[in-house]
Amino acid sequence: MISTFFNHELKAFWRSKNTGKNLAVRIIMAILILYLFLNMLVVGFFMDTVLKKVFPNDALIFSFCGIILIYYLSELFSRLQLQELPTLRVQPYLQLPIKRNSIVGYLALTALFSVFNLWPIILFFPFIFKVILHDAGGLVALAFIISILGISIFNNYLALYIKRKSNLNGWIFLIVAAVLVLIGLSDFMWHIISIRNISYLFFGNLINHPALALVPVLLGAGMYYLNFFYLKQNLYLEELSTKKEKYKSSTEFPILNSFGATGDLVANEIKLILRNKRPRSALIMSLFFLLYGLIFYANPGMKNSDAPRVFVGMFMTGFFIINYGQFMYSWQASHFDGLMVSKVSFTNFLKGKYLLFTTVSTLAFILTTPYVYFGWRILMIHFVMYLWNLGVTANIVLYFANRNAKRIDLSKGASFNWEGVGATQLMLSFLLLLPPFVIYAPLKFLGYPNLAFALMAAIGIIGVLTRSYWIKTLEADFYQRKFTITEGFRNK
């Protein structure tokens, strides 16, 4: 039965009207993956040399045992971002006399066909055959091989389980990602724990007790069956939905109730972000960009330069507006026709977008306040760029959103996904970066940098105070392009 499913998937791929585009993307991805494989293979063959240089005071096998857990934690984080869930068009098979176990077994089995499962083989196996086999013997080398394969399988199904649960509750993904980041910070920045020592605690004992290799195998098998039973229990779409509840406020976010219909629209937008992969990726990337300042502010060569601070402040407080806002209507492409014939006022629709931008940018600015450690001037620049983003960037982004008529599949991840991206987005990136420096550079040259920041702050405040005017302008502009946008969203 598995071969039949695979044959059907293959036919569906070749018969799709987007076959040419999909094939081109896969070829490019294959070339990129092959290049990465070659790099990993080189690192694997020379890992003993690398470890001697990085950890000159440690024994070679101790160093190797210490990095394995670090690798798998970082790999799990990468899987959560990049690994796709295995899919099968299940509905047609549910009406046929096909056992659930066959369908679920196919989904579980195809999950193993991931490039992430090849990385540790290419990276670690050369060292095992080159060093461990020679120094500790064949039994220990076999134990390391089994352990690495077992942890890879465990990581594979753990990442898929987390992503499946996250599709129902987006907070799960954010919590897991935060835990992984905190583990990394606890070791490399705060020095509370040592991941290397924890890793050696298991893999070091593996040298004297090869039977411990069964532990990762059992963990991998347990995670496989957890995925298997979860899929089996939730194979039907209605089983994935929550139990019906009594009607509540459509917001379910009490703080938004005071904004009326606009608050309802923002609440629905938040749900859309948390429940779908592509917009959720935009939010997560915005959170990661809050660390962007560490690259610049920790650099001694940039301590006395304000130009990089303008750039960093703009991106940290406005990355969500730029990254999410440029596809502002494309997120609702699948139900945009319904919005157009509903009783939702387009004025309230735009107000909802502005309220969402203001909320997220305000939170981003608050989260960047710890950068005051590098100086109060940095916090001042962040505040100026925060006002600029609310008063200027938001208007520019929504103006260009009116010119994007490409639909987006919300279920697909953001990695290597070019849906909705066109020349408009490239032009937008240039126009967003240019205005702040057009104001700052001349005044800085004349010796009035503080005047430049005051002027940018004033322009941002004026943009916020005149928001009602911009909403009317954007609404009129939208109605001129309404039919072009809706027609574009209907093209799948």
Foldseek 3Di string as FASTA:
>chain_A
DLVVQVVVVVVCLVPDPCNVVVVVLVVVVVVVLVVVLVVLLVCQQCVQVVQCVVCVPDDSVLSVLLCLLVVLLVLLLVCLFDPDQQDGPCVVCVVDPDDLLVVLVSSLVCLCPDVSLCSCVSNHLNCLVPPVCVPQHDLLSVLVVLLSNLSSLLSSLVSNVQNVVQLLPLVSSVVVSVVSVVVVCCCPPVNVDRSSVVSCVQSVVCSVPSVSSVVSNVSSVVSSVVSSVVCSQCVDPVSSDDDDDPDDPLQVPVVLVVVPPLSSLLSVVVVLLRNFAASVLQVVVLVVLLCVVCVQLVDPVCLPPCVVLLVSLLCNLQVSLLSVLLQVCQSCLVCVVVVVPDPDDVLSVVVSSLVNSLVSSVVSLVSNVVCCVSPVVSNLSSVLSSLLCSQPVNLLSLLLNLVFQWHDDRRDHPPSDCGSDDPSSVVSVVVVPPVLCVQQVVCVVVPRNVVSSVVSSVSSVVSNVCVSVSSVVSVVSNVVCVVVNSVNSVPD
